[in-house]
Protein backbone atom coordinates (compact mmCIF):
# COMPACT_ATOMS: atom_id res chain seq x y z
CA MET A 1 -2.42 1.24 -24.33
CA GLY A 2 0.89 2.78 -25.74
CA LYS A 3 0.67 5.75 -23.25
CA ILE A 4 0.28 3.35 -20.32
CA LEU A 5 3.48 1.62 -21.81
CA SER A 6 5.56 4.81 -21.85
CA LEU A 7 4.35 5.52 -18.00
CA ILE A 8 5.36 2.00 -17.29
CA LEU A 9 8.70 2.73 -19.16
CA CYS A 10 9.54 5.53 -16.28
CA ILE A 11 10.17 2.23 -13.47
CA SER A 12 6.71 2.01 -12.35
CA PHE A 13 8.29 0.88 -8.71
CA CYS A 14 6.04 2.53 -6.03
CA ILE A 15 3.75 1.89 -2.86
CA PRO A 16 0.02 2.37 -3.29
CA CYS A 17 -1.78 0.29 -0.23
CA LEU A 18 0.25 2.79 1.87
CA TYR A 19 -2.15 5.64 0.69
CA SER A 20 -5.22 3.73 1.88
CA GLN A 21 -5.89 5.64 5.23
CA GLY A 22 -4.00 8.82 4.44
CA LYS A 23 -6.25 11.57 3.28
CA LYS A 24 -4.59 13.23 0.27
CA LYS A 25 -3.58 16.74 0.83
CA SER A 26 -1.87 19.61 -0.92
CA PHE A 27 1.66 21.59 0.36
CA SER A 28 2.59 25.07 -1.86
CA TYR A 29 6.19 25.20 -2.45
CA GLY A 30 7.05 27.99 -4.55
CA LEU A 31 4.63 28.63 -7.25
CA THR A 32 3.30 25.12 -7.36
CA GLN A 33 0.69 22.99 -5.14
CA ARG A 34 2.48 19.57 -4.58
CA SER A 35 0.47 16.65 -3.15
CA TYR A 36 1.22 14.11 -0.39
CA SER A 37 -0.54 11.69 1.87
CA LEU A 38 -0.16 11.38 5.66
CA ILE A 39 -0.80 8.86 8.34
CA LEU A 40 -0.32 9.95 11.75
CA PRO A 41 0.43 7.68 14.80
CA GLN A 42 -2.54 7.20 17.19
CA GLN A 43 -0.85 7.51 20.46
CA GLU A 44 -0.35 10.94 21.91
CA GLN A 45 3.11 11.49 21.91
CA GLU A 46 5.68 15.23 22.45
CA SER A 47 7.01 14.15 19.41
CA TYR A 48 7.35 11.37 16.75
CA PRO A 49 10.05 10.53 14.54
CA LEU A 50 9.08 11.14 10.64
CA LEU A 51 9.76 8.42 7.93
CA LEU A 52 8.99 9.89 4.37
CA VAL A 53 8.65 7.27 1.38
CA LEU A 54 9.27 8.37 -1.78
CA ARG A 55 7.71 5.95 -4.45
CA GLY A 56 8.70 4.92 -7.52
CA ALA A 57 7.82 6.58 -11.06
CA LYS A 58 4.23 6.64 -11.52
CA GLY A 59 2.15 3.95 -13.89
CA ILE A 60 0.94 0.60 -12.67
CA GLY A 61 0.83 2.06 -9.08
CA LYS A 62 -2.17 0.21 -7.86
CA ARG A 63 -0.61 -2.85 -9.19
CA MET A 64 2.87 -2.54 -7.61
CA ILE A 65 3.12 -3.02 -4.12
CA LYS A 66 0.11 -3.92 -2.29
CA SER A 67 0.89 -4.90 1.20
CA THR A 68 4.42 -3.52 2.93
CA GLY A 69 3.63 -3.51 6.32
CA LEU A 70 4.33 -0.02 6.83
CA GLU A 71 1.45 1.29 7.77
CA ASP A 72 0.96 -1.62 10.91
CA LEU A 73 4.43 -1.00 11.51
CA ALA A 74 4.40 2.77 12.24
CA GLN A 75 1.37 2.26 14.71
CA LYS A 76 2.93 0.10 16.49
CA GLU A 77 6.50 1.84 16.65
CA GLY A 78 4.82 5.48 16.64
CA PHE A 79 6.22 7.33 14.03
CA ILE A 80 4.86 9.45 11.11
CA LEU A 81 4.35 8.07 7.67
CA ALA A 82 4.52 11.25 5.09
CA PHE A 83 4.00 10.24 0.85
CA PRO A 84 5.05 13.58 -0.98
CA GLU A 85 4.18 13.19 -4.47
CA PRO A 86 6.70 13.70 -7.35
CA LEU A 87 5.74 15.79 -10.25
CA GLY A 88 4.79 14.31 -13.49
CA GLY A 89 5.54 10.51 -12.62
CA GLY A 90 8.73 10.79 -11.30
CA TRP A 91 11.66 12.46 -9.37
CA ASN A 92 14.22 14.76 -10.50
CA ASP A 93 16.70 12.16 -9.40
CA GLY A 94 19.42 13.16 -11.33
CA ARG A 95 18.99 10.95 -14.26
CA ASN A 96 18.34 14.18 -16.49
CA LEU A 97 15.99 12.09 -18.73
CA LYS A 98 13.81 14.20 -20.95
CA LYS A 99 10.95 11.91 -21.08
CA ILE A 100 10.25 12.73 -17.08
CA THR A 101 8.74 15.47 -16.27
CA SER A 102 10.56 16.84 -13.35
CA GLN A 103 14.02 16.04 -15.03
CA LYS A 104 13.27 17.84 -18.43
CA ASN A 105 12.20 20.97 -16.25
CA ASN A 106 14.76 20.54 -13.73
CA VAL A 107 12.30 20.65 -10.26
CA ASP A 108 13.59 21.46 -7.46
CA ASP A 109 12.75 18.29 -5.37
CA THR A 110 15.48 18.69 -2.94
CA GLY A 111 13.62 22.05 -1.74
CA PHE A 112 10.76 20.60 -1.82
CA ILE A 113 11.36 18.03 0.68
CA ALA A 114 13.71 20.53 2.73
CA ALA A 115 10.45 22.67 2.66
CA PHE A 116 7.70 19.95 3.04
CA ILE A 117 9.61 18.41 6.49
CA GLU A 118 9.82 21.91 8.09
CA HIS A 119 5.74 22.00 7.45
CA LEU A 120 5.40 18.30 8.96
CA VAL A 121 7.82 19.62 12.31
CA ARG A 122 5.55 22.75 12.41
CA LEU A 123 2.71 21.70 12.09
CA HIS A 124 2.57 17.81 13.41
CA GLN A 125 5.17 17.49 15.97
CA ALA A 126 7.56 15.73 13.52
CA ASN A 127 11.07 15.47 15.36
CA GLU A 128 13.37 17.35 13.49
CA LYS A 129 16.26 15.18 14.35
CA LYS A 130 14.57 12.10 13.42
CA VAL A 131 13.79 12.73 9.95
CA TYR A 132 14.27 9.26 7.63
CA VAL A 133 13.83 8.83 4.14
CA LEU A 134 13.40 5.24 2.67
CA GLY A 135 12.54 5.37 -1.57
CA ALA A 136 11.85 2.72 -4.37
CA SER A 137 13.32 2.47 -7.61
CA ASP A 138 13.75 6.06 -8.72
CA GLY A 139 12.28 7.00 -5.68
CA GLY A 140 15.56 5.61 -4.18
CA MET A 141 17.45 7.40 -6.72
CA MET A 142 15.81 10.61 -5.28
CA ALA A 143 16.77 9.49 -1.42
CA LEU A 144 20.21 8.75 -2.51
CA ARG A 145 20.41 12.37 -4.06
CA LEU A 146 18.56 13.93 -0.83
CA GLY A 147 21.58 12.07 1.43
CA CYS A 148 24.15 14.06 -0.69
CA GLU A 149 22.14 17.30 -0.67
CA LEU A 150 20.01 17.02 2.88
CA SER A 151 22.14 15.60 4.77
CA HIS A 152 21.85 17.97 7.76
CA ARG A 153 17.94 17.33 7.38
CA ILE A 154 18.10 13.73 7.40
CA ALA A 155 19.01 11.21 9.86
CA ALA A 156 19.37 8.09 7.72
CA ILE A 157 18.33 6.93 4.34
CA VAL A 158 17.07 3.86 3.00
CA SER A 159 17.21 2.62 -1.09
CA VAL A 160 15.32 -0.44 -2.15
CA GLY A 161 16.36 -0.87 -5.94
CA GLY A 162 17.78 2.13 -6.50
CA THR A 163 21.67 3.04 -6.91
CA LEU A 164 23.00 6.58 -7.27
CA PRO A 165 22.94 8.07 -11.10
CA THR A 166 26.19 8.72 -12.56
CA ASN A 167 25.44 12.16 -13.10
CA LEU A 168 25.64 13.04 -9.66
CA PHE A 169 29.06 11.17 -9.02
CA GLY A 170 31.85 13.51 -8.15
CA THR A 171 29.46 16.49 -8.25
CA ARG A 172 27.93 16.12 -4.97
CA GLN A 173 29.23 16.03 -1.67
CA PRO A 174 27.21 15.32 1.48
CA SER A 175 27.57 18.14 4.17
CA ARG A 176 28.18 15.21 7.03
CA LYS A 177 28.21 11.43 7.36
CA VAL A 178 24.65 9.59 6.38
CA PRO A 179 23.59 6.15 8.02
CA VAL A 180 22.88 4.49 4.71
CA LEU A 181 20.96 1.18 3.92
CA LEU A 182 20.68 -0.60 0.33
CA ILE A 183 18.13 -3.42 -0.93
CA HIS A 184 19.07 -4.29 -4.42
CA GLY A 185 18.44 -7.44 -6.22
CA THR A 186 21.73 -9.40 -8.14
CA HIS A 187 19.06 -10.11 -11.39
CA ASP A 188 17.16 -6.81 -11.26
CA PRO A 189 16.52 -6.41 -15.19
CA LEU A 190 15.94 -2.32 -14.71
CA VAL A 191 18.56 -0.92 -12.52
CA PRO A 192 21.11 -3.22 -13.04
CA TRP A 193 23.21 -4.86 -10.12
CA ASP A 194 26.67 -3.84 -12.13
CA GLY A 195 25.65 -0.22 -13.42
CA GLY A 196 25.19 0.69 -16.68
CA GLU A 197 22.28 1.84 -18.37
CA VAL A 198 18.56 1.61 -16.88
CA ARG A 199 16.46 -0.19 -19.26
CA PHE A 200 12.73 -1.72 -19.66
CA ARG A 201 11.92 -3.16 -22.66
CA GLY A 202 14.39 -1.57 -24.75
CA SER A 203 14.11 2.03 -23.57
CA ARG A 204 16.66 3.63 -22.41
CA LEU A 205 16.40 5.26 -18.88
CA GLY A 206 19.49 6.95 -18.33
CA GLN A 207 23.15 5.40 -16.13
CA VAL A 208 23.27 4.65 -12.65
CA LEU A 209 26.27 3.74 -10.80
CA SER A 210 26.50 -0.26 -9.87
CA VAL A 211 25.29 -1.35 -6.29
CA ALA A 212 29.12 -1.99 -5.47
CA GLU A 213 30.17 1.86 -6.83
CA THR A 214 27.21 3.37 -4.64
CA VAL A 215 28.25 0.94 -1.54
CA ARG A 216 31.58 2.57 -1.71
CA PHE A 217 30.79 6.18 -2.66
CA TRP A 218 29.08 5.99 1.09
CA ALA A 219 31.48 4.12 2.70
CA SER A 220 34.49 5.95 1.69
CA HIS A 221 32.18 9.22 2.67
CA ASN A 222 31.27 7.93 5.88
CA GLU A 223 34.97 6.61 6.99
CA CYS A 224 33.75 3.13 7.44
CA SER A 225 35.47 -0.23 7.06
CA LEU A 226 35.68 -0.89 3.57
CA SER A 227 35.95 -4.59 4.42
CA PRO A 228 32.45 -5.39 5.47
CA GLU A 229 31.32 -8.39 7.89
CA ILE A 230 29.12 -10.69 5.93
CA SER A 231 26.15 -12.52 7.47
CA TRP A 232 23.60 -14.82 5.83
CA PRO A 233 19.80 -14.31 7.48
CA LEU A 234 17.82 -17.11 7.67
CA ASN A 235 16.70 -18.67 4.25
CA ILE A 236 12.84 -18.71 5.17
CA ASP A 237 11.11 -19.35 2.06
CA PRO A 238 13.82 -21.66 -0.13
CA LEU A 239 11.08 -21.63 -3.02
CA ASP A 240 11.08 -18.12 -4.05
CA GLU A 241 14.56 -18.92 -5.40
CA THR A 242 16.46 -15.86 -3.81
CA MET A 243 18.78 -15.76 -0.77
CA VAL A 244 19.73 -12.75 1.53
CA ARG A 245 23.78 -11.61 1.91
CA LYS A 246 24.12 -8.81 4.26
CA GLU A 247 27.19 -6.56 4.12
CA PHE A 248 27.96 -4.24 7.15
CA TYR A 249 30.29 -1.90 6.01
CA ALA A 250 31.45 -0.29 10.46
CA GLY A 251 31.40 2.95 11.39
CA ASP A 252 30.03 5.73 13.21
CA SER A 253 27.68 6.18 10.38
CA PRO A 254 27.32 2.68 9.01
CA VAL A 255 26.37 1.72 5.41
CA VAL A 256 24.75 -1.94 5.03
CA LEU A 257 23.73 -3.95 2.21
CA TYR A 258 21.11 -6.73 1.66
CA ALA A 259 22.04 -8.50 -1.62
CA ILE A 260 18.98 -10.04 -2.75
CA GLN A 261 20.88 -13.07 -4.76
CA GLY A 262 18.47 -13.94 -7.22
CA GLY A 263 16.15 -11.07 -7.09
CA GLY A 264 14.75 -8.66 -9.31
CA HIS A 265 13.38 -5.15 -9.32
CA THR A 266 10.54 -6.35 -6.34
CA TRP A 267 9.80 -5.17 -2.35
CA PRO A 268 11.07 -8.12 -0.27
CA GLN A 269 8.03 -9.65 0.96
CA GLY A 270 5.81 -7.01 -1.53
CA HIS A 271 3.35 -8.00 -4.05
CA GLN A 272 4.78 -9.30 -7.37
CA TYR A 273 3.70 -6.35 -9.64
CA LEU A 274 4.59 -7.92 -12.44
CA PRO A 275 5.69 -11.11 -14.17
CA ALA A 276 8.97 -12.18 -12.89
CA HIS A 277 10.36 -12.43 -16.50
CA LEU A 278 9.81 -8.82 -16.67
CA ILE A 279 10.66 -7.35 -13.09
CA GLY A 280 12.45 -11.03 -11.46
CA LYS A 281 11.93 -12.91 -8.98
CA MET A 282 10.96 -11.05 -5.14
CA CYS A 283 12.62 -12.32 -1.55
CA GLN A 284 10.22 -13.57 0.81
CA ASP A 285 13.18 -13.82 3.54
CA ILE A 286 13.10 -10.29 4.90
CA SER A 287 10.60 -7.45 4.89
CA ALA A 288 12.23 -4.61 3.31
CA SER A 289 9.79 -2.38 5.54
CA LYS A 290 11.14 -3.78 8.85
CA THR A 291 14.54 -4.03 7.71
CA ALA A 292 14.52 -0.18 6.93
CA TRP A 293 12.46 0.85 9.93
CA ASP A 294 15.03 -1.52 12.29
CA PHE A 295 18.03 0.04 10.73
CA CYS A 296 16.21 4.27 10.23
CA LYS A 297 15.69 4.21 14.25
CA LEU A 298 18.81 3.74 15.51
CA TYR A 299 20.28 7.24 14.48
CA SER A 300 19.41 10.62 15.10
CA LEU A 301 20.98 13.74 13.51
CA PRO A 302 23.44 15.33 16.23
CA GLU A 303 22.32 18.16 18.53
C-alpha cells in the first residue's frame, strides 16, 4: 500500500484508455529503450498531423481517465496519436525532484521527444509541420517545457492541469512564438491555481508558477495582447458545480486559457478517478480532448 501511495504522490494524472487500441512499441534513444503506443488513422493520406499525448506520472493510471474521446476523434479527423512513456513513472519537467527518477537522473526527455518525432515522420508519414503536444498534469508541465526548448519542431502545445515549473522561468526562451492552450481548475488542490508548492496529502512535489504567471509568460513572448477577450461557454451541466471562463489573448500565435471555475485536478468530460475531496470536481461543460484538438489543428510550423 505504501508503494502505491508513493506513486500516487508523483501526481498520477494519466490517460490509460488511449492505449487500448495501440500496440506497445519500443524506440531506442541513446542507450535506453523507450516505450510508446501508437494509433494510426485508417484513411489513406499523403501525410498526417501528429498529436503527442504526455500522460501524468505513473501510479493509478488505470483508474484515471477512462474515456477521453481522443481515439475516436483521431479517426474522424485523420491524425496520428502517439503516447511516449516517461522513464521511472514521470517526466523530467523541470521541477528537479529527487523522488522522480527522470528528474533525479536529469533524463534528456526533450532530446527523446525530438528524436521520437523524427522517427514518426520517417516511418508513419507524420507531417513535420503539424506536430502538437498535449500533456496532463506533469505531462502538461513537460509540454510547456517542450514549448520552450523544442519550439522549432512543435506547432502548438496544450497543458491540462499543469503550469510552468518555477525552475524553468527565466532560464528558457523559446526560439519562436508558439500557440498555447491552458485548461486549469481554479480549485485544483495538487497544482495550485495561484502557484507555489505542488502537494498531495502533505507530500511536497516542487514549485510551479501560477496560471496567471504561466499565461503572462507565453502571452508576452508571443507578443499577444495582455488584455484578454473574455467569454463564458455554455454551462451545460449546472450539477457539476463548475463553470468555464475562456480568456483569449490575441496575436499571431495566441494564448488561450480555459479557467474551470470550481474545477479540480481533472480532465473535463473525463472520469472522476479519485474522490472530489482529494482531487476536486470535474467539469462537464467542455471536452478537454475536443477543445485541445480544435485549437491545435489551426496551426502549423512556418515554411
